[in-house]
Amino acid sequence: MAYVIGDECISCGACADQCPCECIKEGDGKYEIDASVCAGCGACADVCPVDAPKEA
């Protein structure tokens, strides 16, 4: 199941650096996950300091 990044995102970029699919990009005010590429591995959620990535 793909992940989505919630409004808690502080745009630190930790999630993007750890994503093996390279599906996380900086968006408008927060990072965004391309659900069509996300493998649902949870690597982003494991490193996020504010728990912004959640399973969709």
N, C-alpha and C. Protein backbone atom coordinates (compact mmCIF):
# COMPACT_ATOMS: atom_id res chain seq x y z
N MET A 1 0.84 -1.17 0.00
CA MET A 1 0.00 0.00 0.00
C MET A 1 0.89 1.24 0.00
N ALA A 2 0.56 2.20 -0.82
CA ALA A 2 1.35 3.43 -0.94
C ALA A 2 1.20 4.30 0.30
N TYR A 3 2.17 5.14 0.51
CA TYR A 3 2.15 6.10 1.61
C TYR A 3 1.77 7.48 1.08
N VAL A 4 1.26 8.32 1.96
CA VAL A 4 1.00 9.73 1.67
C VAL A 4 1.63 10.55 2.79
N ILE A 5 1.99 11.78 2.48
CA ILE A 5 2.60 12.66 3.47
C ILE A 5 1.56 13.68 3.92
N GLY A 6 1.33 13.73 5.22
CA GLY A 6 0.32 14.62 5.79
C GLY A 6 0.84 16.03 6.00
N ASP A 7 -0.05 16.86 6.50
CA ASP A 7 0.26 18.27 6.73
C ASP A 7 1.28 18.49 7.84
N GLU A 8 1.61 17.44 8.60
CA GLU A 8 2.62 17.55 9.65
C GLU A 8 4.02 17.77 9.08
N CYS A 9 4.19 17.51 7.79
CA CYS A 9 5.49 17.60 7.12
C CYS A 9 6.15 18.95 7.38
N ILE A 10 7.44 18.91 7.77
CA ILE A 10 8.21 20.12 8.01
C ILE A 10 9.25 20.36 6.91
N SER A 11 9.13 19.63 5.81
CA SER A 11 10.00 19.77 4.64
C SER A 11 11.49 19.60 4.95
N CYS A 12 11.80 18.64 5.81
CA CYS A 12 13.21 18.41 6.17
C CYS A 12 13.93 17.59 5.11
N GLY A 13 13.19 16.79 4.32
CA GLY A 13 13.80 15.99 3.26
C GLY A 13 14.33 14.64 3.69
N ALA A 14 14.20 14.29 4.97
CA ALA A 14 14.72 13.00 5.45
C ALA A 14 14.07 11.84 4.70
N CYS A 15 12.78 11.95 4.43
CA CYS A 15 12.06 10.88 3.76
C CYS A 15 12.57 10.67 2.33
N ALA A 16 12.77 11.76 1.62
CA ALA A 16 13.23 11.67 0.23
C ALA A 16 14.60 11.04 0.14
N ASP A 17 15.47 11.35 1.10
CA ASP A 17 16.82 10.79 1.10
C ASP A 17 16.82 9.29 1.32
N GLN A 18 15.81 8.75 2.00
CA GLN A 18 15.77 7.32 2.33
C GLN A 18 14.90 6.49 1.39
N CYS A 19 14.15 7.12 0.51
CA CYS A 19 13.22 6.40 -0.36
C CYS A 19 13.96 5.61 -1.44
N PRO A 20 13.85 4.27 -1.42
CA PRO A 20 14.53 3.47 -2.44
C PRO A 20 13.89 3.59 -3.83
N CYS A 21 12.65 4.05 -3.89
CA CYS A 21 11.94 4.19 -5.17
C CYS A 21 12.10 5.58 -5.79
N GLU A 22 12.67 6.49 -5.02
CA GLU A 22 12.85 7.88 -5.46
C GLU A 22 11.53 8.50 -5.89
N CYS A 23 10.46 8.21 -5.13
CA CYS A 23 9.13 8.71 -5.49
C CYS A 23 8.69 9.90 -4.64
N ILE A 24 9.59 10.42 -3.79
CA ILE A 24 9.25 11.55 -2.92
C ILE A 24 9.96 12.79 -3.43
N LYS A 25 9.18 13.81 -3.70
CA LYS A 25 9.71 15.07 -4.22
C LYS A 25 9.17 16.23 -3.40
N GLU A 26 9.92 17.32 -3.39
CA GLU A 26 9.48 18.52 -2.68
C GLU A 26 8.30 19.14 -3.41
N GLY A 27 7.23 19.37 -2.68
CA GLY A 27 6.03 19.96 -3.26
C GLY A 27 5.82 21.37 -2.75
N ASP A 28 4.60 21.82 -2.78
CA ASP A 28 4.24 23.16 -2.35
C ASP A 28 4.04 23.19 -0.83
N GLY A 29 5.08 23.50 -0.09
CA GLY A 29 4.99 23.59 1.36
C GLY A 29 5.25 22.29 2.10
N LYS A 30 5.32 21.17 1.39
CA LYS A 30 5.63 19.88 2.01
C LYS A 30 6.08 18.92 0.92
N TYR A 31 6.63 17.80 1.34
CA TYR A 31 7.04 16.78 0.38
C TYR A 31 5.82 15.96 -0.04
N GLU A 32 5.89 15.38 -1.24
CA GLU A 32 4.78 14.60 -1.78
C GLU A 32 5.30 13.28 -2.31
N ILE A 33 4.46 12.25 -2.21
CA ILE A 33 4.80 10.91 -2.69
C ILE A 33 3.99 10.60 -3.94
N ASP A 34 4.67 10.13 -4.98
CA ASP A 34 4.00 9.67 -6.19
C ASP A 34 3.50 8.25 -5.92
N ALA A 35 2.21 8.12 -5.64
CA ALA A 35 1.62 6.84 -5.25
C ALA A 35 1.76 5.77 -6.33
N SER A 36 1.88 6.18 -7.58
CA SER A 36 2.01 5.20 -8.66
C SER A 36 3.38 4.53 -8.68
N VAL A 37 4.34 5.10 -7.96
CA VAL A 37 5.70 4.56 -7.90
C VAL A 37 6.01 3.98 -6.53
N CYS A 38 5.35 4.45 -5.50
CA CYS A 38 5.61 4.03 -4.11
C CYS A 38 5.41 2.52 -3.95
N ALA A 39 6.41 1.87 -3.35
CA ALA A 39 6.36 0.43 -3.11
C ALA A 39 5.73 0.09 -1.76
N GLY A 40 5.47 1.11 -0.95
CA GLY A 40 4.86 0.87 0.36
C GLY A 40 5.81 0.26 1.38
N CYS A 41 7.09 0.50 1.23
CA CYS A 41 8.08 -0.12 2.12
C CYS A 41 8.14 0.50 3.50
N GLY A 42 7.75 1.77 3.62
CA GLY A 42 7.75 2.44 4.92
C GLY A 42 9.07 3.06 5.33
N ALA A 43 10.05 3.06 4.44
CA ALA A 43 11.35 3.66 4.77
C ALA A 43 11.18 5.14 5.12
N CYS A 44 10.28 5.81 4.45
CA CYS A 44 10.03 7.24 4.71
C CYS A 44 9.47 7.45 6.11
N ALA A 45 8.54 6.60 6.49
CA ALA A 45 7.91 6.72 7.81
C ALA A 45 8.91 6.43 8.93
N ASP A 46 9.84 5.53 8.67
CA ASP A 46 10.83 5.16 9.68
C ASP A 46 11.76 6.31 10.05
N VAL A 47 12.02 7.22 9.12
CA VAL A 47 12.98 8.30 9.38
C VAL A 47 12.35 9.66 9.64
N CYS A 48 11.05 9.78 9.45
CA CYS A 48 10.40 11.08 9.59
C CYS A 48 10.32 11.49 11.07
N PRO A 49 10.84 12.69 11.40
CA PRO A 49 10.83 13.12 12.80
C PRO A 49 9.45 13.56 13.32
N VAL A 50 8.50 13.77 12.40
CA VAL A 50 7.16 14.23 12.82
C VAL A 50 6.05 13.26 12.41
N ASP A 51 6.42 12.06 11.98
CA ASP A 51 5.46 11.02 11.59
C ASP A 51 4.46 11.47 10.53
N ALA A 52 4.95 12.22 9.52
CA ALA A 52 4.06 12.71 8.47
C ALA A 52 3.65 11.64 7.47
N PRO A 53 4.54 10.72 7.04
CA PRO A 53 4.12 9.69 6.08
C PRO A 53 3.22 8.65 6.76
N LYS A 54 2.09 8.38 6.13
CA LYS A 54 1.14 7.38 6.63
C LYS A 54 0.70 6.51 5.47
N GLU A 55 0.30 5.27 5.79
CA GLU A 55 -0.25 4.39 4.75
C GLU A 55 -1.55 4.99 4.24
N ALA A 56 -1.71 4.97 2.93
CA ALA A 56 -2.92 5.55 2.32
C ALA A 56 -4.11 4.64 2.51
